[in-house]
């Protein structure tokens, strides 16, 4: 299986929880269309056509194009929150937890770059009510990463005088992977995750060994 085929399989797996099959096909088609054409340039006819369905059939499952974007955004952001939560709640030093958080978060944005591109860059197209809900998920993800970095600063493992600013920089670095990553490129998602984890640890001045005693030990 080539890189492009593997990428398609990964993207399809992302929507495994969407039922029935027709609704799942529409979500996958919408992601492809939004990523390729942009939300505003995509029509419901475009989405239905990619899913092999009629425009009328789309409305059986989703009342509006925005409802599709909301569904996609919710699934994607909930996955991002789970990734960050698993790292934040794991045992180990702040260095170990930050390494794991960045590695898995950046890797996900590479593995699912088409989906990630849509959920990160089409937020403003959501209705005010839906935007508020998705923004809440983003704040929770931000809080989890900020707590890891704060723990490292408090223990002396990290040099991070501006924890909110450092958190924003780390999140921005990982999210941007979705913009440039290509399944046909020379780096795999695992390699991107490992590289970014190393870069972020260097950014905060962490000991790569991940010593729990930190700089104060």
N, C-alpha and C. Protein backbone atom coordinates (compact mmCIF):
# COMPACT_ATOMS: atom_id res chain seq x y z
N UNK A 1 0.85 -1.19 0.00
CA UNK A 1 0.00 0.00 0.00
C UNK A 1 0.88 1.24 0.00
N UNK A 2 0.62 2.19 -0.92
CA UNK A 2 1.42 3.41 -1.01
C UNK A 2 1.05 4.40 0.06
N UNK A 3 1.84 5.50 0.12
CA UNK A 3 1.60 6.51 1.16
C UNK A 3 0.22 7.13 1.04
N UNK A 4 -0.20 7.42 -0.19
CA UNK A 4 -1.51 8.06 -0.39
C UNK A 4 -2.64 7.13 0.04
N UNK A 5 -2.51 5.83 -0.29
CA UNK A 5 -3.54 4.87 0.09
C UNK A 5 -3.60 4.69 1.61
N UNK A 6 -2.42 4.67 2.24
CA UNK A 6 -2.38 4.55 3.70
C UNK A 6 -3.03 5.78 4.34
N UNK A 7 -2.77 6.95 3.75
CA UNK A 7 -3.38 8.17 4.27
C UNK A 7 -4.90 8.11 4.17
N UNK A 8 -5.40 7.62 3.03
CA UNK A 8 -6.85 7.51 2.85
C UNK A 8 -7.45 6.56 3.88
N UNK A 9 -6.75 5.45 4.15
CA UNK A 9 -7.23 4.49 5.14
C UNK A 9 -7.29 5.12 6.53
N UNK A 10 -6.26 5.91 6.86
CA UNK A 10 -6.23 6.60 8.16
C UNK A 10 -7.40 7.57 8.28
N UNK A 11 -7.65 8.32 7.22
CA UNK A 11 -8.74 9.30 7.25
C UNK A 11 -10.09 8.60 7.39
N UNK A 12 -10.28 7.47 6.69
CA UNK A 12 -11.54 6.75 6.79
C UNK A 12 -11.76 6.22 8.20
N UNK A 13 -10.70 5.73 8.83
CA UNK A 13 -10.79 5.21 10.18
C UNK A 13 -11.22 6.29 11.16
N UNK A 14 -10.84 7.52 10.87
CA UNK A 14 -11.18 8.64 11.74
C UNK A 14 -12.68 8.78 11.93
N UNK A 15 -13.47 8.38 10.93
CA UNK A 15 -14.92 8.57 10.97
C UNK A 15 -15.66 7.27 11.26
N UNK A 16 -14.95 6.27 11.78
CA UNK A 16 -15.56 4.96 12.01
C UNK A 16 -16.78 5.05 12.94
N UNK A 17 -16.80 6.04 13.83
CA UNK A 17 -17.91 6.16 14.76
C UNK A 17 -19.12 6.87 14.20
N UNK A 18 -19.03 7.38 12.99
CA UNK A 18 -20.15 8.08 12.36
C UNK A 18 -21.05 7.05 11.68
N UNK A 19 -22.31 7.02 12.04
CA UNK A 19 -23.26 6.09 11.43
C UNK A 19 -24.52 6.85 11.03
N UNK A 20 -25.28 6.32 10.05
CA UNK A 20 -25.03 5.12 9.24
C UNK A 20 -23.93 5.36 8.20
N UNK A 21 -23.74 4.38 7.33
CA UNK A 21 -22.67 4.46 6.34
C UNK A 21 -22.79 5.70 5.46
N UNK A 22 -24.01 6.06 5.09
CA UNK A 22 -24.20 7.22 4.21
C UNK A 22 -23.72 8.49 4.89
N UNK A 23 -24.00 8.63 6.18
CA UNK A 23 -23.55 9.81 6.92
C UNK A 23 -22.03 9.86 7.01
N UNK A 24 -21.42 8.68 7.20
CA UNK A 24 -19.96 8.61 7.25
C UNK A 24 -19.34 8.98 5.91
N UNK A 25 -19.93 8.51 4.82
CA UNK A 25 -19.42 8.86 3.49
C UNK A 25 -19.52 10.36 3.23
N UNK A 26 -20.57 10.97 3.71
CA UNK A 26 -20.74 12.41 3.53
C UNK A 26 -19.71 13.20 4.32
N UNK A 27 -19.40 12.75 5.52
CA UNK A 27 -18.37 13.41 6.33
C UNK A 27 -17.02 13.33 5.63
N UNK A 28 -16.66 12.13 5.15
CA UNK A 28 -15.40 11.97 4.44
C UNK A 28 -15.33 12.83 3.19
N UNK A 29 -16.44 12.89 2.46
CA UNK A 29 -16.48 13.70 1.24
C UNK A 29 -16.37 15.19 1.57
N UNK A 30 -17.01 15.60 2.66
CA UNK A 30 -16.97 17.01 3.05
C UNK A 30 -15.56 17.42 3.44
N UNK A 31 -14.86 16.56 4.17
CA UNK A 31 -13.48 16.86 4.56
C UNK A 31 -12.63 17.08 3.32
N UNK A 32 -12.73 16.17 2.36
CA UNK A 32 -11.95 16.30 1.13
C UNK A 32 -12.28 17.59 0.39
N UNK A 33 -13.56 17.89 0.29
CA UNK A 33 -13.98 19.09 -0.45
C UNK A 33 -13.56 20.37 0.26
N UNK A 34 -13.77 20.42 1.58
CA UNK A 34 -13.39 21.62 2.34
C UNK A 34 -11.88 21.86 2.27
N UNK A 35 -11.11 20.77 2.37
CA UNK A 35 -9.65 20.90 2.33
C UNK A 35 -9.17 21.35 0.95
N UNK A 36 -9.82 20.86 -0.08
CA UNK A 36 -9.39 21.16 -1.45
C UNK A 36 -9.88 22.53 -1.94
N UNK A 37 -11.14 22.85 -1.65
CA UNK A 37 -11.76 24.05 -2.22
C UNK A 37 -11.99 25.16 -1.20
N UNK A 38 -11.96 24.81 0.08
CA UNK A 38 -12.33 25.76 1.11
C UNK A 38 -13.81 25.63 1.42
N UNK A 39 -14.19 25.93 2.64
CA UNK A 39 -15.59 25.77 3.05
C UNK A 39 -16.54 26.59 2.19
N UNK A 40 -16.25 27.86 2.02
CA UNK A 40 -17.19 28.75 1.35
C UNK A 40 -17.33 28.44 -0.14
N UNK A 41 -16.29 27.91 -0.76
CA UNK A 41 -16.36 27.59 -2.19
C UNK A 41 -16.98 26.21 -2.45
N UNK A 42 -17.19 25.45 -1.40
CA UNK A 42 -17.76 24.11 -1.54
C UNK A 42 -19.27 24.17 -1.45
N UNK A 43 -19.95 23.47 -2.33
CA UNK A 43 -21.42 23.42 -2.30
C UNK A 43 -21.86 22.04 -1.80
N UNK A 44 -23.11 21.96 -1.39
CA UNK A 44 -23.65 20.67 -0.97
C UNK A 44 -23.67 19.70 -2.14
N UNK A 45 -23.82 20.21 -3.34
CA UNK A 45 -23.78 19.36 -4.53
C UNK A 45 -22.38 18.74 -4.70
N UNK A 46 -21.33 19.54 -4.43
CA UNK A 46 -19.95 19.03 -4.48
C UNK A 46 -19.79 17.85 -3.52
N UNK A 47 -20.26 18.06 -2.30
CA UNK A 47 -20.10 17.03 -1.26
C UNK A 47 -20.87 15.77 -1.62
N UNK A 48 -22.12 15.94 -2.01
CA UNK A 48 -22.95 14.78 -2.36
C UNK A 48 -22.34 14.01 -3.53
N UNK A 49 -21.84 14.75 -4.52
CA UNK A 49 -21.25 14.10 -5.68
C UNK A 49 -20.03 13.27 -5.32
N UNK A 50 -19.18 13.79 -4.42
CA UNK A 50 -18.00 13.03 -3.99
C UNK A 50 -18.39 11.78 -3.22
N UNK A 51 -19.54 11.83 -2.54
CA UNK A 51 -20.00 10.68 -1.76
C UNK A 51 -20.81 9.71 -2.60
N UNK A 52 -21.03 10.05 -3.88
CA UNK A 52 -21.81 9.20 -4.76
C UNK A 52 -23.29 9.23 -4.44
N UNK A 53 -23.76 10.40 -3.98
CA UNK A 53 -25.15 10.54 -3.57
C UNK A 53 -25.76 11.76 -4.24
N UNK A 54 -27.06 11.87 -4.17
CA UNK A 54 -27.75 13.04 -4.70
C UNK A 54 -27.76 14.14 -3.66
N UNK A 55 -27.86 15.41 -4.08
CA UNK A 55 -27.93 16.51 -3.09
C UNK A 55 -29.09 16.32 -2.10
N UNK A 56 -30.19 15.78 -2.59
CA UNK A 56 -31.35 15.58 -1.70
C UNK A 56 -31.03 14.57 -0.60
N UNK A 57 -30.23 13.57 -0.94
CA UNK A 57 -29.89 12.54 0.05
C UNK A 57 -29.05 13.12 1.17
N UNK A 58 -28.24 14.14 0.86
CA UNK A 58 -27.41 14.76 1.89
C UNK A 58 -28.26 15.32 3.02
N UNK A 59 -29.39 15.95 2.67
CA UNK A 59 -30.20 16.62 3.67
C UNK A 59 -30.93 15.66 4.60
N UNK A 60 -30.95 14.37 4.25
CA UNK A 60 -31.53 13.39 5.15
C UNK A 60 -30.67 13.27 6.42
N UNK A 61 -29.36 13.46 6.26
CA UNK A 61 -28.42 13.26 7.36
C UNK A 61 -27.92 14.58 7.96
N UNK A 62 -27.78 15.60 7.15
CA UNK A 62 -27.27 16.90 7.62
C UNK A 62 -28.12 18.00 7.02
N UNK A 63 -28.67 18.83 7.90
CA UNK A 63 -29.59 19.87 7.44
C UNK A 63 -28.88 20.95 6.62
N UNK A 64 -27.62 21.22 6.98
CA UNK A 64 -26.87 22.28 6.30
C UNK A 64 -25.41 21.87 6.11
N UNK A 65 -24.73 22.59 5.26
CA UNK A 65 -23.29 22.39 5.08
C UNK A 65 -22.55 22.70 6.38
N UNK A 66 -23.03 23.69 7.10
CA UNK A 66 -22.39 24.06 8.37
C UNK A 66 -22.51 22.96 9.39
N UNK A 67 -23.60 22.22 9.36
CA UNK A 67 -23.76 21.11 10.30
C UNK A 67 -22.71 20.03 10.05
N UNK A 68 -22.35 19.82 8.80
CA UNK A 68 -21.29 18.89 8.46
C UNK A 68 -19.95 19.37 9.03
N UNK A 69 -19.67 20.65 8.84
CA UNK A 69 -18.42 21.21 9.37
C UNK A 69 -18.38 21.09 10.89
N UNK A 70 -19.50 21.32 11.53
CA UNK A 70 -19.59 21.20 12.99
C UNK A 70 -19.31 19.77 13.44
N UNK A 71 -19.87 18.80 12.72
CA UNK A 71 -19.65 17.39 13.05
C UNK A 71 -18.17 17.04 12.91
N UNK A 72 -17.57 17.46 11.82
CA UNK A 72 -16.15 17.21 11.57
C UNK A 72 -15.30 17.87 12.65
N UNK A 73 -15.61 19.12 12.96
CA UNK A 73 -14.84 19.87 13.96
C UNK A 73 -14.95 19.25 15.34
N UNK A 74 -16.14 18.80 15.69
CA UNK A 74 -16.33 18.20 17.00
C UNK A 74 -15.52 16.92 17.17
N UNK A 75 -15.57 16.05 16.18
CA UNK A 75 -14.82 14.79 16.25
C UNK A 75 -13.32 15.07 16.31
N UNK A 76 -12.85 15.96 15.45
CA UNK A 76 -11.42 16.27 15.42
C UNK A 76 -10.92 16.89 16.70
N UNK A 77 -11.65 17.84 17.25
CA UNK A 77 -11.20 18.51 18.46
C UNK A 77 -11.32 17.62 19.69
N UNK A 78 -12.31 16.74 19.70
CA UNK A 78 -12.41 15.80 20.82
C UNK A 78 -11.23 14.83 20.80
N UNK A 79 -10.80 14.44 19.60
CA UNK A 79 -9.63 13.57 19.49
C UNK A 79 -8.38 14.29 19.99
N UNK A 80 -8.22 15.55 19.61
CA UNK A 80 -7.07 16.34 20.07
C UNK A 80 -7.07 16.46 21.59
N UNK A 81 -8.25 16.65 22.17
CA UNK A 81 -8.37 16.76 23.62
C UNK A 81 -7.98 15.45 24.31
N UNK A 82 -8.39 14.32 23.73
CA UNK A 82 -8.03 13.02 24.30
C UNK A 82 -6.52 12.79 24.24
N UNK A 83 -5.91 13.18 23.14
CA UNK A 83 -4.46 13.03 23.00
C UNK A 83 -3.74 13.82 24.09
N UNK A 84 -4.13 15.06 24.27
CA UNK A 84 -3.47 15.90 25.25
C UNK A 84 -3.78 15.44 26.67
N UNK A 85 -5.01 14.98 26.88
CA UNK A 85 -5.39 14.51 28.20
C UNK A 85 -4.60 13.28 28.62
N UNK A 86 -4.38 12.37 27.69
CA UNK A 86 -3.63 11.16 28.00
C UNK A 86 -2.20 11.49 28.42
N UNK A 87 -1.59 12.46 27.75
CA UNK A 87 -0.23 12.85 28.09
C UNK A 87 -0.19 13.59 29.43
N UNK A 88 -1.16 14.47 29.64
CA UNK A 88 -1.17 15.27 30.86
C UNK A 88 -1.39 14.41 32.10
N UNK A 89 -2.18 13.35 31.98
CA UNK A 89 -2.53 12.53 33.13
C UNK A 89 -1.58 11.35 33.34
N UNK A 90 -0.64 11.18 32.43
CA UNK A 90 0.29 10.05 32.55
C UNK A 90 1.27 10.27 33.70
N UNK A 91 1.83 9.18 34.19
CA UNK A 91 2.86 9.29 35.21
C UNK A 91 4.17 9.72 34.55
N UNK A 92 5.06 10.27 35.37
CA UNK A 92 6.35 10.69 34.83
C UNK A 92 6.60 12.16 35.05
N UNK A 93 7.79 12.57 34.69
CA UNK A 93 8.18 13.97 34.86
C UNK A 93 7.47 14.85 33.85
N UNK A 94 7.53 16.15 34.08
CA UNK A 94 6.95 17.09 33.12
C UNK A 94 7.62 16.97 31.76
N UNK A 95 8.92 16.70 31.77
CA UNK A 95 9.65 16.53 30.52
C UNK A 95 9.12 15.33 29.74
N UNK A 96 8.90 14.24 30.42
CA UNK A 96 8.37 13.04 29.76
C UNK A 96 6.96 13.28 29.23
N UNK A 97 6.15 13.98 30.02
CA UNK A 97 4.78 14.23 29.60
C UNK A 97 4.72 15.22 28.43
N UNK A 98 5.59 16.23 28.45
CA UNK A 98 5.61 17.18 27.36
C UNK A 98 6.09 16.50 26.08
N UNK A 99 7.11 15.67 26.21
CA UNK A 99 7.61 14.94 25.04
C UNK A 99 6.48 14.12 24.41
N UNK A 100 5.74 13.39 25.26
CA UNK A 100 4.67 12.54 24.76
C UNK A 100 3.54 13.37 24.17
N UNK A 101 3.19 14.47 24.81
CA UNK A 101 2.10 15.33 24.32
C UNK A 101 2.42 15.88 22.94
N UNK A 102 3.61 16.41 22.78
CA UNK A 102 3.98 17.01 21.49
C UNK A 102 4.14 15.93 20.42
N UNK A 103 4.76 14.83 20.79
CA UNK A 103 4.96 13.75 19.82
C UNK A 103 3.63 13.26 19.26
N UNK A 104 2.67 12.99 20.12
CA UNK A 104 1.40 12.44 19.65
C UNK A 104 0.53 13.51 18.98
N UNK A 105 0.58 14.75 19.48
CA UNK A 105 -0.23 15.83 18.92
C UNK A 105 0.26 16.19 17.51
N UNK A 106 1.56 16.33 17.35
CA UNK A 106 2.12 16.63 16.03
C UNK A 106 1.92 15.47 15.07
N UNK A 107 2.09 14.25 15.57
CA UNK A 107 1.91 13.07 14.72
C UNK A 107 0.47 12.99 14.21
N UNK A 108 -0.50 13.28 15.08
CA UNK A 108 -1.89 13.25 14.66
C UNK A 108 -2.15 14.28 13.56
N UNK A 109 -1.59 15.46 13.70
CA UNK A 109 -1.79 16.49 12.68
C UNK A 109 -1.13 16.13 11.35
N UNK A 110 -0.13 15.24 11.40
CA UNK A 110 0.47 14.74 10.16
C UNK A 110 -0.35 13.59 9.59
N UNK A 111 -0.68 12.62 10.42
CA UNK A 111 -1.45 11.46 9.96
C UNK A 111 -2.80 11.87 9.39
N UNK A 112 -3.42 12.85 10.01
CA UNK A 112 -4.76 13.28 9.60
C UNK A 112 -4.72 14.73 9.11
N UNK A 113 -3.73 15.04 8.29
CA UNK A 113 -3.52 16.44 7.93
C UNK A 113 -4.69 17.04 7.16
N UNK A 114 -5.40 16.23 6.38
CA UNK A 114 -6.54 16.77 5.64
C UNK A 114 -7.63 17.19 6.61
N UNK A 115 -7.98 16.31 7.54
CA UNK A 115 -8.97 16.66 8.56
C UNK A 115 -8.50 17.82 9.42
N UNK A 116 -7.26 17.76 9.86
CA UNK A 116 -6.73 18.81 10.73
C UNK A 116 -6.74 20.16 10.05
N UNK A 117 -6.45 20.19 8.76
CA UNK A 117 -6.46 21.45 8.03
C UNK A 117 -7.85 22.08 8.06
N UNK A 118 -8.85 21.24 7.92
CA UNK A 118 -10.24 21.74 7.93
C UNK A 118 -10.63 22.24 9.31
N UNK A 119 -10.36 21.43 10.35
CA UNK A 119 -10.84 21.83 11.68
C UNK A 119 -10.05 23.00 12.25
N UNK A 120 -8.83 23.19 11.80
CA UNK A 120 -8.03 24.30 12.33
C UNK A 120 -8.24 25.60 11.57
N UNK A 121 -8.52 25.52 10.28
CA UNK A 121 -8.54 26.73 9.45
C UNK A 121 -9.91 27.14 8.95
N UNK A 122 -10.96 26.38 9.28
CA UNK A 122 -12.32 26.75 8.86
C UNK A 122 -13.22 27.07 10.05
N UNK A 123 -12.63 27.32 11.19
CA UNK A 123 -13.40 27.57 12.41
C UNK A 123 -14.38 28.73 12.27
N UNK A 124 -13.95 29.78 11.57
CA UNK A 124 -14.78 30.98 11.50
C UNK A 124 -16.07 30.75 10.71
N UNK A 125 -16.16 29.63 9.99
CA UNK A 125 -17.36 29.35 9.23
C UNK A 125 -18.46 28.72 10.09
N UNK A 126 -18.12 28.32 11.31
CA UNK A 126 -19.12 27.74 12.21
C UNK A 126 -20.11 28.81 12.68
N UNK A 127 -21.32 28.37 13.01
CA UNK A 127 -22.30 29.29 13.59
C UNK A 127 -21.79 29.75 14.95
N UNK A 128 -22.27 30.89 15.46
CA UNK A 128 -21.80 31.36 16.77
C UNK A 128 -21.95 30.31 17.87
N UNK A 129 -23.07 29.61 17.88
CA UNK A 129 -23.30 28.59 18.91
C UNK A 129 -22.30 27.45 18.78
N UNK A 130 -22.11 26.97 17.58
CA UNK A 130 -21.17 25.86 17.37
C UNK A 130 -19.73 26.30 17.59
N UNK A 131 -19.41 27.52 17.20
CA UNK A 131 -18.06 28.04 17.42
C UNK A 131 -17.74 28.08 18.91
N UNK A 132 -18.70 28.53 19.70
CA UNK A 132 -18.50 28.61 21.15
C UNK A 132 -18.21 27.23 21.73
N UNK A 133 -18.92 26.22 21.27
CA UNK A 133 -18.72 24.85 21.77
C UNK A 133 -17.33 24.34 21.40
N UNK A 134 -16.93 24.52 20.14
CA UNK A 134 -15.62 24.05 19.68
C UNK A 134 -14.50 24.83 20.36
N UNK A 135 -14.71 26.14 20.55
CA UNK A 135 -13.71 26.95 21.23
C UNK A 135 -13.49 26.46 22.66
N UNK A 136 -14.54 25.94 23.28
CA UNK A 136 -14.41 25.39 24.62
C UNK A 136 -13.51 24.16 24.63
N UNK A 137 -13.63 23.31 23.61
CA UNK A 137 -12.75 22.14 23.50
C UNK A 137 -11.30 22.58 23.31
N UNK A 138 -11.10 23.61 22.51
CA UNK A 138 -9.75 24.12 22.27
C UNK A 138 -9.14 24.69 23.55
N UNK A 139 -9.95 25.38 24.36
CA UNK A 139 -9.45 25.93 25.62
C UNK A 139 -9.05 24.82 26.58
N UNK A 140 -9.80 23.74 26.58
CA UNK A 140 -9.47 22.61 27.46
C UNK A 140 -8.15 21.96 27.04
N UNK A 141 -7.94 21.84 25.74
CA UNK A 141 -6.69 21.30 25.23
C UNK A 141 -5.53 22.21 25.61
N UNK A 142 -5.73 23.51 25.43
CA UNK A 142 -4.73 24.51 25.81
C UNK A 142 -4.39 24.40 27.29
N UNK A 143 -5.42 24.25 28.12
CA UNK A 143 -5.22 24.19 29.57
C UNK A 143 -4.37 22.98 29.96
N UNK A 144 -4.62 21.84 29.32
CA UNK A 144 -3.87 20.62 29.65
C UNK A 144 -2.39 20.79 29.32
N UNK A 145 -2.11 21.33 28.15
CA UNK A 145 -0.71 21.55 27.77
C UNK A 145 -0.08 22.62 28.66
N UNK A 146 -0.82 23.65 28.97
CA UNK A 146 -0.29 24.71 29.83
C UNK A 146 0.08 24.17 31.20
N UNK A 147 -0.72 23.22 31.70
CA UNK A 147 -0.44 22.66 33.02
C UNK A 147 0.85 21.84 33.00
N UNK A 148 1.09 21.10 31.91
CA UNK A 148 2.34 20.35 31.80
C UNK A 148 3.53 21.30 31.84
N UNK A 149 3.43 22.37 31.06
CA UNK A 149 4.53 23.33 30.99
C UNK A 149 4.70 24.05 32.32
N UNK A 150 3.59 24.36 32.98
CA UNK A 150 3.67 25.00 34.30
C UNK A 150 4.32 24.08 35.32
N UNK A 151 3.97 22.80 35.26
CA UNK A 151 4.59 21.81 36.17
C UNK A 151 6.10 21.78 35.97
N UNK A 152 6.52 21.82 34.70
CA UNK A 152 7.95 21.80 34.41
C UNK A 152 8.65 23.06 34.88
N UNK A 153 7.98 24.19 34.73
CA UNK A 153 8.57 25.45 35.19
C UNK A 153 8.68 25.46 36.71
N UNK A 154 7.64 24.95 37.39
CA UNK A 154 7.63 24.93 38.86
C UNK A 154 8.70 23.99 39.41
N UNK A 155 8.93 22.88 38.73
CA UNK A 155 9.90 21.90 39.21
C UNK A 155 11.33 22.26 38.84
N UNK A 156 11.48 23.26 37.94
CA UNK A 156 12.81 23.63 37.49
C UNK A 156 13.28 22.85 36.28
N UNK A 157 12.42 21.98 35.73
CA UNK A 157 12.79 21.23 34.54
C UNK A 157 12.83 22.12 33.30
N UNK A 158 11.97 23.14 33.28
CA UNK A 158 11.86 24.01 32.11
C UNK A 158 12.25 25.44 32.45
N UNK A 159 12.75 26.13 31.45
CA UNK A 159 12.92 27.57 31.53
C UNK A 159 11.78 28.18 30.71
N UNK A 160 10.71 28.56 31.40
CA UNK A 160 9.53 29.10 30.73
C UNK A 160 8.94 30.21 31.59
N UNK A 161 9.48 31.42 31.41
CA UNK A 161 9.00 32.55 32.19
C UNK A 161 7.58 32.95 31.80
N UNK A 162 7.24 32.73 30.53
CA UNK A 162 5.91 33.06 30.03
C UNK A 162 5.22 31.76 29.63
N UNK A 163 4.55 31.14 30.57
CA UNK A 163 3.92 29.85 30.32
C UNK A 163 2.79 29.94 29.29
N UNK A 164 1.89 30.94 29.38
CA UNK A 164 0.85 31.04 28.35
C UNK A 164 1.42 31.25 26.95
N UNK A 165 2.44 32.09 26.85
CA UNK A 165 3.06 32.33 25.55
C UNK A 165 3.76 31.10 25.01
N UNK A 166 4.41 30.36 25.90
CA UNK A 166 5.08 29.13 25.48
C UNK A 166 4.07 28.09 25.03
N UNK A 167 2.95 28.00 25.75
CA UNK A 167 1.88 27.08 25.37
C UNK A 167 1.36 27.39 23.98
N UNK A 168 1.12 28.67 23.72
CA UNK A 168 0.63 29.08 22.41
C UNK A 168 1.63 28.74 21.31
N UNK A 169 2.91 28.95 21.59
CA UNK A 169 3.94 28.65 20.59
C UNK A 169 3.99 27.16 20.27
N UNK A 170 3.87 26.32 21.30
CA UNK A 170 3.94 24.87 21.09
C UNK A 170 2.72 24.39 20.31
N UNK A 171 1.54 24.86 20.70
CA UNK A 171 0.33 24.47 19.98
C UNK A 171 0.39 24.91 18.52
N UNK A 172 0.84 26.14 18.29
CA UNK A 172 0.92 26.66 16.93
C UNK A 172 1.88 25.83 16.08
N UNK A 173 3.00 25.44 16.68
CA UNK A 173 3.99 24.63 15.97
C UNK A 173 3.36 23.30 15.52
N UNK A 174 2.64 22.65 16.42
CA UNK A 174 2.04 21.36 16.10
C UNK A 174 0.91 21.47 15.09
N UNK A 175 0.05 22.46 15.28
CA UNK A 175 -1.10 22.65 14.39
C UNK A 175 -0.65 22.94 12.96
N UNK A 176 0.44 23.67 12.82
CA UNK A 176 0.90 24.06 11.49
C UNK A 176 1.36 22.87 10.66
N UNK A 177 1.60 21.73 11.30
CA UNK A 177 1.98 20.53 10.56
C UNK A 177 0.93 20.20 9.50
N UNK A 178 -0.33 20.43 9.84
CA UNK A 178 -1.42 20.12 8.91
C UNK A 178 -1.33 20.94 7.63
N UNK A 179 -0.74 22.11 7.72
CA UNK A 179 -0.66 22.98 6.54
C UNK A 179 0.34 22.48 5.52
N UNK A 180 1.48 21.94 5.97
CA UNK A 180 2.54 21.61 5.03
C UNK A 180 2.77 20.12 4.81
N UNK A 181 2.23 19.28 5.71
CA UNK A 181 2.55 17.86 5.61
C UNK A 181 1.95 17.23 4.35
N UNK A 182 2.73 16.34 3.74
CA UNK A 182 2.27 15.58 2.58
C UNK A 182 2.60 14.10 2.81
N UNK A 183 1.65 13.24 2.50
CA UNK A 183 1.88 11.80 2.65
C UNK A 183 2.98 11.32 1.72
N UNK A 184 3.25 12.08 0.69
CA UNK A 184 4.30 11.70 -0.26
C UNK A 184 5.64 12.36 0.06
N UNK A 185 5.70 13.11 1.18
CA UNK A 185 6.93 13.78 1.57
C UNK A 185 7.95 12.81 2.14
N UNK A 186 9.10 13.35 2.51
CA UNK A 186 10.19 12.47 2.95
C UNK A 186 10.10 12.11 4.43
N UNK A 187 9.25 12.77 5.19
CA UNK A 187 9.12 12.44 6.61
C UNK A 187 7.79 11.73 6.86
N UNK A 188 7.83 10.70 7.70
CA UNK A 188 6.62 10.02 8.12
C UNK A 188 5.99 10.77 9.30
N UNK A 189 4.71 10.51 9.61
CA UNK A 189 4.11 11.14 10.79
C UNK A 189 4.88 10.85 12.07
N UNK A 190 5.39 9.62 12.21
CA UNK A 190 6.18 9.29 13.41
C UNK A 190 7.44 10.13 13.49
N UNK A 191 8.08 10.33 12.35
CA UNK A 191 9.31 11.13 12.33
C UNK A 191 9.02 12.59 12.63
N UNK A 192 7.90 13.09 12.14
CA UNK A 192 7.51 14.47 12.45
C UNK A 192 7.26 14.61 13.94
N UNK A 193 6.54 13.66 14.52
CA UNK A 193 6.26 13.72 15.95
C UNK A 193 7.52 13.71 16.79
N UNK A 194 8.46 12.84 16.44
CA UNK A 194 9.71 12.76 17.18
C UNK A 194 10.53 14.03 17.04
N UNK A 195 10.57 14.58 15.83
CA UNK A 195 11.32 15.81 15.59
C UNK A 195 10.74 16.97 16.39
N UNK A 196 9.44 17.12 16.35
CA UNK A 196 8.80 18.24 17.03
C UNK A 196 8.93 18.11 18.54
N UNK A 197 8.85 16.88 19.06
CA UNK A 197 9.03 16.68 20.50
C UNK A 197 10.42 17.14 20.91
N UNK A 198 11.42 16.78 20.11
CA UNK A 198 12.80 17.19 20.42
C UNK A 198 12.94 18.70 20.34
N UNK A 199 12.35 19.31 19.33
CA UNK A 199 12.45 20.77 19.17
C UNK A 199 11.81 21.51 20.35
N UNK A 200 10.65 21.02 20.79
CA UNK A 200 9.95 21.69 21.90
C UNK A 200 10.72 21.54 23.21
N UNK A 201 11.31 20.36 23.45
CA UNK A 201 12.10 20.19 24.67
C UNK A 201 13.28 21.15 24.66
N UNK A 202 13.89 21.33 23.50
CA UNK A 202 14.99 22.30 23.39
C UNK A 202 14.47 23.72 23.63
N UNK A 203 13.28 23.99 23.13
CA UNK A 203 12.67 25.32 23.29
C UNK A 203 12.52 25.71 24.75
N UNK A 204 12.12 24.74 25.58
CA UNK A 204 11.90 25.04 27.00
C UNK A 204 13.12 24.76 27.87
N UNK A 205 14.23 24.37 27.22
CA UNK A 205 15.46 24.13 27.96
C UNK A 205 15.43 22.90 28.83
N UNK A 206 14.70 21.86 28.38
CA UNK A 206 14.57 20.65 29.18
C UNK A 206 15.77 19.74 29.01
N UNK A 207 16.01 18.94 30.03
CA UNK A 207 17.02 17.88 29.97
C UNK A 207 16.41 16.72 29.18
N UNK A 208 16.98 16.34 28.05
CA UNK A 208 16.41 15.25 27.25
C UNK A 208 16.24 13.95 28.03
N UNK A 209 17.00 13.78 29.10
CA UNK A 209 16.88 12.55 29.90
C UNK A 209 15.59 12.54 30.69
N UNK A 210 14.94 13.71 30.81
CA UNK A 210 13.66 13.77 31.49
C UNK A 210 13.72 13.58 32.98
N UNK A 211 14.80 14.01 33.61
CA UNK A 211 14.96 13.84 35.05
C UNK A 211 13.87 14.56 35.83
N UNK A 212 13.25 13.84 36.72
CA UNK A 212 12.20 14.44 37.53
C UNK A 212 12.75 15.45 38.51
N UNK A 213 14.04 15.37 38.79
CA UNK A 213 14.62 16.30 39.74
C UNK A 213 14.86 17.66 39.11
N UNK A 214 14.93 17.70 37.76
CA UNK A 214 15.04 18.97 37.07
C UNK A 214 16.30 19.71 37.42
N UNK A 215 16.26 21.02 37.26
CA UNK A 215 17.43 21.85 37.47
C UNK A 215 17.66 22.17 38.94
N UNK A 216 16.65 21.86 39.73
CA UNK A 216 16.79 22.17 41.15
C UNK A 216 17.31 20.96 41.94
N UNK A 217 17.49 19.79 41.21
CA UNK A 217 17.88 18.58 41.91
C UNK A 217 19.36 18.56 42.21
